All heavy atoms as atom14 arrays in JSON, in Angstrom:
{
  "sequence": "PRYVIVIPVKKNAEWWNMSPEERLKEMEVHTTPTL",
  "atom14_mask": [
    [1, 1, 1, 1, 1, 1, 1, 0, 0, 0, 0, 0, 0, 0],
    [1, 1, 1, 1, 1, 1, 1, 1, 1, 1, 1, 0, 0, 0],
    [1, 1, 1, 1, 1, 1, 1, 1, 1, 1, 1, 1, 0, 0],
    [1, 1, 1, 1, 1, 1, 1, 0, 0, 0, 0, 0, 0, 0],
    [1, 1, 1, 1, 1, 1, 1, 1, 0, 0, 0, 0, 0, 0],
    [1, 1, 1, 1, 1, 1, 1, 0, 0, 0, 0, 0, 0, 0],
    [1, 1, 1, 1, 1, 1, 1, 1, 0, 0, 0, 0, 0, 0],
    [1, 1, 1, 1, 1, 1, 1, 0, 0, 0, 0, 0, 0, 0],
    [1, 1, 1, 1, 1, 1, 1, 0, 0, 0, 0, 0, 0, 0],
    [1, 1, 1, 1, 1, 1, 1, 1, 1, 0, 0, 0, 0, 0],
    [1, 1, 1, 1, 1, 1, 1, 1, 1, 0, 0, 0, 0, 0],
    [1, 1, 1, 1, 1, 1, 1, 1, 0, 0, 0, 0, 0, 0],
    [1, 1, 1, 1, 1, 0, 0, 0, 0, 0, 0, 0, 0, 0],
    [1, 1, 1, 1, 1, 1, 1, 1, 1, 0, 0, 0, 0, 0],
    [1, 1, 1, 1, 1, 1, 1, 1, 1, 1, 1, 1, 1, 1],
    [1, 1, 1, 1, 1, 1, 1, 1, 1, 1, 1, 1, 1, 1],
    [1, 1, 1, 1, 1, 1, 1, 1, 0, 0, 0, 0, 0, 0],
    [1, 1, 1, 1, 1, 1, 1, 1, 0, 0, 0, 0, 0, 0],
    [1, 1, 1, 1, 1, 1, 0, 0, 0, 0, 0, 0, 0, 0],
    [1, 1, 1, 1, 1, 1, 1, 0, 0, 0, 0, 0, 0, 0],
    [1, 1, 1, 1, 1, 1, 1, 1, 1, 0, 0, 0, 0, 0],
    [1, 1, 1, 1, 1, 1, 1, 1, 1, 0, 0, 0, 0, 0],
    [1, 1, 1, 1, 1, 1, 1, 1, 1, 1, 1, 0, 0, 0],
    [1, 1, 1, 1, 1, 1, 1, 1, 0, 0, 0, 0, 0, 0],
    [1, 1, 1, 1, 1, 1, 1, 1, 1, 0, 0, 0, 0, 0],
    [1, 1, 1, 1, 1, 1, 1, 1, 1, 0, 0, 0, 0, 0],
    [1, 1, 1, 1, 1, 1, 1, 1, 0, 0, 0, 0, 0, 0],
    [1, 1, 1, 1, 1, 1, 1, 1, 1, 0, 0, 0, 0, 0],
    [1, 1, 1, 1, 1, 1, 1, 0, 0, 0, 0, 0, 0, 0],
    [1, 1, 1, 1, 1, 1, 1, 1, 1, 1, 0, 0, 0, 0],
    [1, 1, 1, 1, 1, 1, 1, 0, 0, 0, 0, 0, 0, 0],
    [1, 1, 1, 1, 1, 1, 1, 0, 0, 0, 0, 0, 0, 0],
    [1, 1, 1, 1, 1, 1, 1, 0, 0, 0, 0, 0, 0, 0],
    [1, 1, 1, 1, 1, 1, 1, 0, 0, 0, 0, 0, 0, 0],
    [1, 1, 1, 1, 1, 1, 1, 1, 0, 0, 0, 0, 0, 0]
  ],
  "atom14_positions": [
    [[3.02, -6.24, 23.25], [3.89, -6.71, 22.17], [5.33, -6.91, 22.67], [5.89, -6.1, 23.42], [3.87, -5.57, 21.14], [2.58, -4.84, 21.39], [2.39, -4.93, 22.9], [0.0, 0.0, 0.0], [0.0, 0.0, 0.0], [0.0, 0.0, 0.0], [0.0, 0.0, 0.0], [0.0, 0.0, 0.0], [0.0, 0.0, 0.0], [0.0, 0.0, 0.0]],
    [[5.94, -8.03, 22.21], [7.36, -8.32, 22.53], [8.23, -8.13, 21.32], [9.45, -8.06, 21.45], [7.52, -9.72, 23.06], [6.85, -10.0, 24.41], [7.05, -11.44, 24.84], [6.32, -12.33, 23.94], [6.63, -13.63, 23.78], [7.69, -14.14, 24.4], [5.89, -14.4, 22.95], [0.0, 0.0, 0.0], [0.0, 0.0, 0.0], [0.0, 0.0, 0.0]],
    [[7.64, -8.12, 20.13], [8.4, -8.08, 18.9], [8.11, -6.83, 18.08], [7.03, -6.3, 18.08], [8.12, -9.3, 18.05], [8.43, -10.62, 18.74], [7.39, -11.35, 19.31], [9.73, -11.12, 18.84], [7.62, -12.52, 20.0], [9.98, -12.25, 19.51], [8.94, -12.98, 20.09], [9.21, -14.14, 20.76], [0.0, 0.0, 0.0], [0.0, 0.0, 0.0]],
    [[9.17, -6.35, 17.38], [9.01, -5.22, 16.49], [9.55, -5.59, 15.1], [10.55, -6.32, 15.0], [9.79, -3.97, 17.09], [11.26, -4.3, 17.24], [9.63, -2.79, 16.15], [0.0, 0.0, 0.0], [0.0, 0.0, 0.0], [0.0, 0.0, 0.0], [0.0, 0.0, 0.0], [0.0, 0.0, 0.0], [0.0, 0.0, 0.0], [0.0, 0.0, 0.0]],
    [[8.89, -5.15, 14.06], [9.32, -5.44, 12.68], [9.27, -4.13, 11.89], [8.31, -3.39, 11.97], [8.43, -6.45, 11.98], [8.35, -7.79, 12.78], [8.98, -6.77, 10.62], [7.16, -7.91, 13.65], [0.0, 0.0, 0.0], [0.0, 0.0, 0.0], [0.0, 0.0, 0.0], [0.0, 0.0, 0.0], [0.0, 0.0, 0.0], [0.0, 0.0, 0.0]],
    [[10.34, -3.86, 11.2], [10.39, -2.65, 10.34], [10.64, -3.08, 8.9], [11.56, -3.85, 8.61], [11.52, -1.71, 10.81], [11.66, -0.49, 9.85], [11.32, -1.22, 12.23], [0.0, 0.0, 0.0], [0.0, 0.0, 0.0], [0.0, 0.0, 0.0], [0.0, 0.0, 0.0], [0.0, 0.0, 0.0], [0.0, 0.0, 0.0], [0.0, 0.0, 0.0]],
    [[9.79, -2.63, 8.01], [9.87, -3.01, 6.59], [9.81, -1.78, 5.7], [8.75, -1.15, 5.6], [8.71, -3.99, 6.2], [8.77, -5.21, 7.09], [8.84, -4.39, 4.69], [7.6, -6.19, 6.85], [0.0, 0.0, 0.0], [0.0, 0.0, 0.0], [0.0, 0.0, 0.0], [0.0, 0.0, 0.0], [0.0, 0.0, 0.0], [0.0, 0.0, 0.0]],
    [[10.88, -1.39, 5.06], [10.82, -0.27, 4.1], [10.19, -0.69, 2.81], [10.33, -1.89, 2.32], [12.29, 0.13, 3.92], [13.06, -1.15, 4.18], [12.25, -1.88, 5.24], [0.0, 0.0, 0.0], [0.0, 0.0, 0.0], [0.0, 0.0, 0.0], [0.0, 0.0, 0.0], [0.0, 0.0, 0.0], [0.0, 0.0, 0.0], [0.0, 0.0, 0.0]],
    [[9.46, 0.22, 2.15], [8.79, -0.14, 0.88], [9.05, 0.96, -0.12], [9.0, 2.16, 0.15], [7.24, -0.21, 1.15], [6.52, -0.42, -0.16], [6.89, -1.34, 2.14], [0.0, 0.0, 0.0], [0.0, 0.0, 0.0], [0.0, 0.0, 0.0], [0.0, 0.0, 0.0], [0.0, 0.0, 0.0], [0.0, 0.0, 0.0], [0.0, 0.0, 0.0]],
    [[9.36, 0.49, -1.34], [9.54, 1.46, -2.47], [8.59, 1.06, -3.59], [8.51, -0.07, -4.01], [11.01, 1.33, -2.98], [11.32, 2.17, -4.2], [11.46, 3.65, -3.86], [11.9, 4.47, -5.05], [12.0, 5.9, -4.72], [0.0, 0.0, 0.0], [0.0, 0.0, 0.0], [0.0, 0.0, 0.0], [0.0, 0.0, 0.0], [0.0, 0.0, 0.0]],
    [[7.82, 2.05, -4.11], [6.87, 1.82, -5.22], [7.57, 2.17, -6.55], [8.52, 2.98, -6.6], [5.66, 2.67, -4.99], [4.83, 2.36, -3.81], [4.06, 1.09, -3.9], [3.05, 0.92, -2.83], [2.28, -0.33, -2.96], [0.0, 0.0, 0.0], [0.0, 0.0, 0.0], [0.0, 0.0, 0.0], [0.0, 0.0, 0.0], [0.0, 0.0, 0.0]],
    [[7.05, 1.59, -7.63], [7.6, 1.9, -8.94], [6.9, 3.08, -9.63], [5.91, 3.62, -9.1], [7.5, 0.67, -9.86], [6.12, 0.2, -10.1], [5.13, 0.94, -9.92], [5.99, -1.1, -10.47], [0.0, 0.0, 0.0], [0.0, 0.0, 0.0], [0.0, 0.0, 0.0], [0.0, 0.0, 0.0], [0.0, 0.0, 0.0], [0.0, 0.0, 0.0]],
    [[7.41, 3.47, -10.74], [6.86, 4.68, -11.44], [5.44, 4.48, -11.89], [4.62, 5.44, -11.92], [7.76, 5.05, -12.61], [0.0, 0.0, 0.0], [0.0, 0.0, 0.0], [0.0, 0.0, 0.0], [0.0, 0.0, 0.0], [0.0, 0.0, 0.0], [0.0, 0.0, 0.0], [0.0, 0.0, 0.0], [0.0, 0.0, 0.0], [0.0, 0.0, 0.0]],
    [[5.1, 3.23, -12.24], [3.73, 2.95, -12.68], [2.71, 3.31, -11.57], [1.68, 3.83, -11.83], [3.57, 1.48, -13.05], [2.21, 1.12, -13.61], [2.09, -0.33, -14.01], [3.11, -1.05, -13.93], [0.98, -0.73, -14.42], [0.0, 0.0, 0.0], [0.0, 0.0, 0.0], [0.0, 0.0, 0.0], [0.0, 0.0, 0.0], [0.0, 0.0, 0.0]],
    [[3.11, 3.0, -10.32], [2.19, 3.32, -9.23], [1.99, 4.8, -9.09], [0.83, 5.3, -9.0], [2.81, 2.78, -7.92], [2.12, 3.22, -6.67], [2.44, 4.27, -5.86], [0.9, 2.67, -6.11], [1.57, 4.36, -4.8], [0.58, 3.41, -4.93], [0.07, 1.59, -6.47], [-0.53, 3.15, -4.16], [-1.02, 1.35, -5.65], [-1.33, 2.11, -4.52]],
    [[3.03, 5.56, -9.19], [2.9, 7.03, -8.93], [2.29, 7.72, -10.11], [1.8, 8.87, -9.99], [4.3, 7.63, -8.66], [4.83, 7.16, -7.31], [5.97, 6.43, -7.12], [4.3, 7.42, -6.03], [6.13, 6.18, -5.75], [5.12, 6.8, -5.08], [3.15, 8.09, -5.58], [4.88, 6.8, -3.72], [2.88, 8.17, -4.2], [3.77, 7.54, -3.29]],
    [[2.26, 7.08, -11.28], [1.61, 7.65, -12.46], [0.18, 7.25, -12.61], [-0.48, 7.68, -13.57], [2.4, 7.34, -13.74], [3.62, 8.22, -13.91], [3.53, 9.31, -14.37], [4.8, 7.72, -13.49], [0.0, 0.0, 0.0], [0.0, 0.0, 0.0], [0.0, 0.0, 0.0], [0.0, 0.0, 0.0], [0.0, 0.0, 0.0], [0.0, 0.0, 0.0]],
    [[-0.33, 6.48, -11.72], [-1.78, 6.15, -11.68], [-2.53, 7.34, -11.14], [-1.98, 8.18, -10.44], [-2.06, 4.9, -10.81], [-1.44, 3.62, -11.33], [-1.49, 2.29, -10.12], [-3.26, 2.07, -9.88], [0.0, 0.0, 0.0], [0.0, 0.0, 0.0], [0.0, 0.0, 0.0], [0.0, 0.0, 0.0], [0.0, 0.0, 0.0], [0.0, 0.0, 0.0]],
    [[-3.81, 7.43, -11.49], [-4.59, 8.52, -10.95], [-4.88, 8.26, -9.46], [-4.85, 7.1, -8.98], [-5.95, 8.6, -11.67], [-6.75, 7.45, -11.36], [0.0, 0.0, 0.0], [0.0, 0.0, 0.0], [0.0, 0.0, 0.0], [0.0, 0.0, 0.0], [0.0, 0.0, 0.0], [0.0, 0.0, 0.0], [0.0, 0.0, 0.0], [0.0, 0.0, 0.0]],
    [[-5.17, 9.3, -8.7], [-5.5, 9.11, -7.23], [-6.66, 8.14, -7.05], [-6.68, 7.37, -6.1], [-5.87, 10.56, -6.79], [-5.15, 11.46, -7.75], [-5.13, 10.74, -9.05], [0.0, 0.0, 0.0], [0.0, 0.0, 0.0], [0.0, 0.0, 0.0], [0.0, 0.0, 0.0], [0.0, 0.0, 0.0], [0.0, 0.0, 0.0], [0.0, 0.0, 0.0]],
    [[-7.62, 8.16, -7.95], [-8.77, 7.24, -7.85], [-8.34, 5.81, -8.04], [-8.82, 4.9, -7.35], [-9.82, 7.64, -8.89], [-10.5, 8.97, -8.65], [-9.6, 10.13, -9.05], [-8.64, 9.98, -9.85], [-9.95, 11.27, -8.55], [0.0, 0.0, 0.0], [0.0, 0.0, 0.0], [0.0, 0.0, 0.0], [0.0, 0.0, 0.0], [0.0, 0.0, 0.0]],
    [[-7.38, 5.59, -8.99], [-6.92, 4.22, -9.2], [-6.1, 3.69, -7.99], [-6.24, 2.57, -7.58], [-6.05, 4.18, -10.46], [-6.85, 4.36, -11.74], [-5.94, 4.49, -12.97], [-4.85, 5.15, -12.88], [-6.25, 3.93, -14.03], [0.0, 0.0, 0.0], [0.0, 0.0, 0.0], [0.0, 0.0, 0.0], [0.0, 0.0, 0.0], [0.0, 0.0, 0.0]],
    [[-5.27, 4.59, -7.42], [-4.49, 4.19, -6.26], [-5.42, 3.92, -5.05], [-5.17, 3.0, -4.31], [-3.45, 5.3, -5.93], [-2.33, 5.39, -6.94], [-1.1, 6.07, -6.37], [-1.36, 7.43, -5.9], [-1.3, 8.49, -6.69], [-0.96, 8.35, -7.99], [-1.58, 9.66, -6.21], [0.0, 0.0, 0.0], [0.0, 0.0, 0.0], [0.0, 0.0, 0.0]],
    [[-6.5, 4.71, -4.93], [-7.44, 4.48, -3.89], [-8.05, 3.11, -3.96], [-8.13, 2.38, -2.94], [-8.54, 5.53, -3.94], [-9.73, 5.34, -2.97], [-9.29, 5.31, -1.52], [-10.8, 6.38, -3.17], [0.0, 0.0, 0.0], [0.0, 0.0, 0.0], [0.0, 0.0, 0.0], [0.0, 0.0, 0.0], [0.0, 0.0, 0.0], [0.0, 0.0, 0.0]],
    [[-8.44, 2.68, -5.16], [-9.04, 1.34, -5.35], [-7.98, 0.22, -4.9], [-8.41, -0.74, -4.29], [-9.47, 1.13, -6.79], [-10.66, 1.97, -7.19], [-11.06, 1.77, -8.61], [-12.24, 2.58, -9.04], [-12.61, 2.37, -10.46], [0.0, 0.0, 0.0], [0.0, 0.0, 0.0], [0.0, 0.0, 0.0], [0.0, 0.0, 0.0], [0.0, 0.0, 0.0]],
    [[-6.75, 0.41, -5.35], [-5.76, -0.52, -4.99], [-5.54, -0.58, -3.44], [-5.37, -1.69, -2.91], [-4.42, -0.23, -5.69], [-4.46, -0.31, -7.19], [-4.67, -1.67, -7.7], [-4.51, -2.66, -6.93], [-5.02, -1.84, -8.88], [0.0, 0.0, 0.0], [0.0, 0.0, 0.0], [0.0, 0.0, 0.0], [0.0, 0.0, 0.0], [0.0, 0.0, 0.0]],
    [[-5.55, 0.55, -2.83], [-5.37, 0.57, -1.39], [-6.54, 0.02, -0.6], [-6.4, -0.51, 0.48], [-5.02, 2.03, -0.91], [-3.65, 2.51, -1.37], [-2.32, 1.34, -0.94], [-2.41, 1.33, 0.85], [0.0, 0.0, 0.0], [0.0, 0.0, 0.0], [0.0, 0.0, 0.0], [0.0, 0.0, 0.0], [0.0, 0.0, 0.0], [0.0, 0.0, 0.0]],
    [[-7.71, 0.15, -1.17], [-8.88, -0.47, -0.54], [-8.74, -2.01, -0.58], [-9.06, -2.7, 0.4], [-10.16, 0.0, -1.27], [-10.5, 1.44, -0.96], [-11.77, 1.96, -1.65], [-12.03, 1.37, -2.76], [-12.47, 2.8, -1.15], [0.0, 0.0, 0.0], [0.0, 0.0, 0.0], [0.0, 0.0, 0.0], [0.0, 0.0, 0.0], [0.0, 0.0, 0.0]],
    [[-8.28, -2.49, -1.71], [-8.04, -3.97, -1.79], [-6.92, -4.38, -0.87], [-6.95, -5.47, -0.26], [-7.67, -4.33, -3.26], [-7.32, -5.83, -3.35], [-8.86, -4.04, -4.17], [0.0, 0.0, 0.0], [0.0, 0.0, 0.0], [0.0, 0.0, 0.0], [0.0, 0.0, 0.0], [0.0, 0.0, 0.0], [0.0, 0.0, 0.0], [0.0, 0.0, 0.0]],
    [[-5.91, -3.48, -0.73], [-4.83, -3.78, 0.19], [-5.28, -3.8, 1.67], [-4.86, -4.64, 2.45], [-3.71, -2.66, 0.02], [-2.69, -2.58, 1.05], [-1.41, -3.07, 0.89], [-2.75, -2.08, 2.3], [-0.73, -2.85, 1.98], [-1.51, -2.27, 2.88], [0.0, 0.0, 0.0], [0.0, 0.0, 0.0], [0.0, 0.0, 0.0], [0.0, 0.0, 0.0]],
    [[-6.12, -2.88, 2.01], [-6.54, -2.71, 3.41], [-7.5, -3.74, 3.88], [-7.43, -4.21, 5.03], [-7.12, -1.29, 3.58], [-6.19, -0.32, 3.2], [-7.54, -1.04, 5.0], [0.0, 0.0, 0.0], [0.0, 0.0, 0.0], [0.0, 0.0, 0.0], [0.0, 0.0, 0.0], [0.0, 0.0, 0.0], [0.0, 0.0, 0.0], [0.0, 0.0, 0.0]],
    [[-8.41, -4.18, 3.05], [-9.48, -5.08, 3.44], [-9.0, -6.33, 4.18], [-9.51, -6.63, 5.28], [-10.34, -5.52, 2.21], [-10.92, -4.33, 1.65], [-11.43, -6.45, 2.62], [0.0, 0.0, 0.0], [0.0, 0.0, 0.0], [0.0, 0.0, 0.0], [0.0, 0.0, 0.0], [0.0, 0.0, 0.0], [0.0, 0.0, 0.0], [0.0, 0.0, 0.0]],
    [[-7.97, -7.07, 3.69], [-7.56, -8.28, 4.41], [-6.8, -8.02, 5.68], [-6.58, -8.91, 6.49], [-6.71, -9.02, 3.37], [-6.2, -7.93, 2.48], [-7.31, -6.95, 2.37], [0.0, 0.0, 0.0], [0.0, 0.0, 0.0], [0.0, 0.0, 0.0], [0.0, 0.0, 0.0], [0.0, 0.0, 0.0], [0.0, 0.0, 0.0], [0.0, 0.0, 0.0]],
    [[-6.38, -6.75, 5.87], [-5.58, -6.44, 7.1], [-6.43, -6.24, 8.33], [-5.95, -6.4, 9.42], [-4.74, -5.18, 6.9], [-5.59, -4.03, 6.87], [-3.91, -5.27, 5.6], [0.0, 0.0, 0.0], [0.0, 0.0, 0.0], [0.0, 0.0, 0.0], [0.0, 0.0, 0.0], [0.0, 0.0, 0.0], [0.0, 0.0, 0.0], [0.0, 0.0, 0.0]],
    [[-7.74, -5.93, 8.16], [-8.58, -5.57, 9.27], [-8.66, -6.69, 10.29], [-8.7, -6.42, 11.49], [-9.98, -5.24, 8.77], [-10.11, -4.02, 7.85], [-11.57, -3.82, 7.45], [-9.61, -2.76, 8.58], [0.0, 0.0, 0.0], [0.0, 0.0, 0.0], [0.0, 0.0, 0.0], [0.0, 0.0, 0.0], [0.0, 0.0, 0.0], [0.0, 0.0, 0.0]]
  ]
}
């Protein structure tokens, strides 16, 4: 690698008030296209 990128991320209150199971589903959708 020749390049480095740093991106800070802040989530909203709705995200943190979801159940762990709901956040898991969202993160599975998030992860799938990154593979």
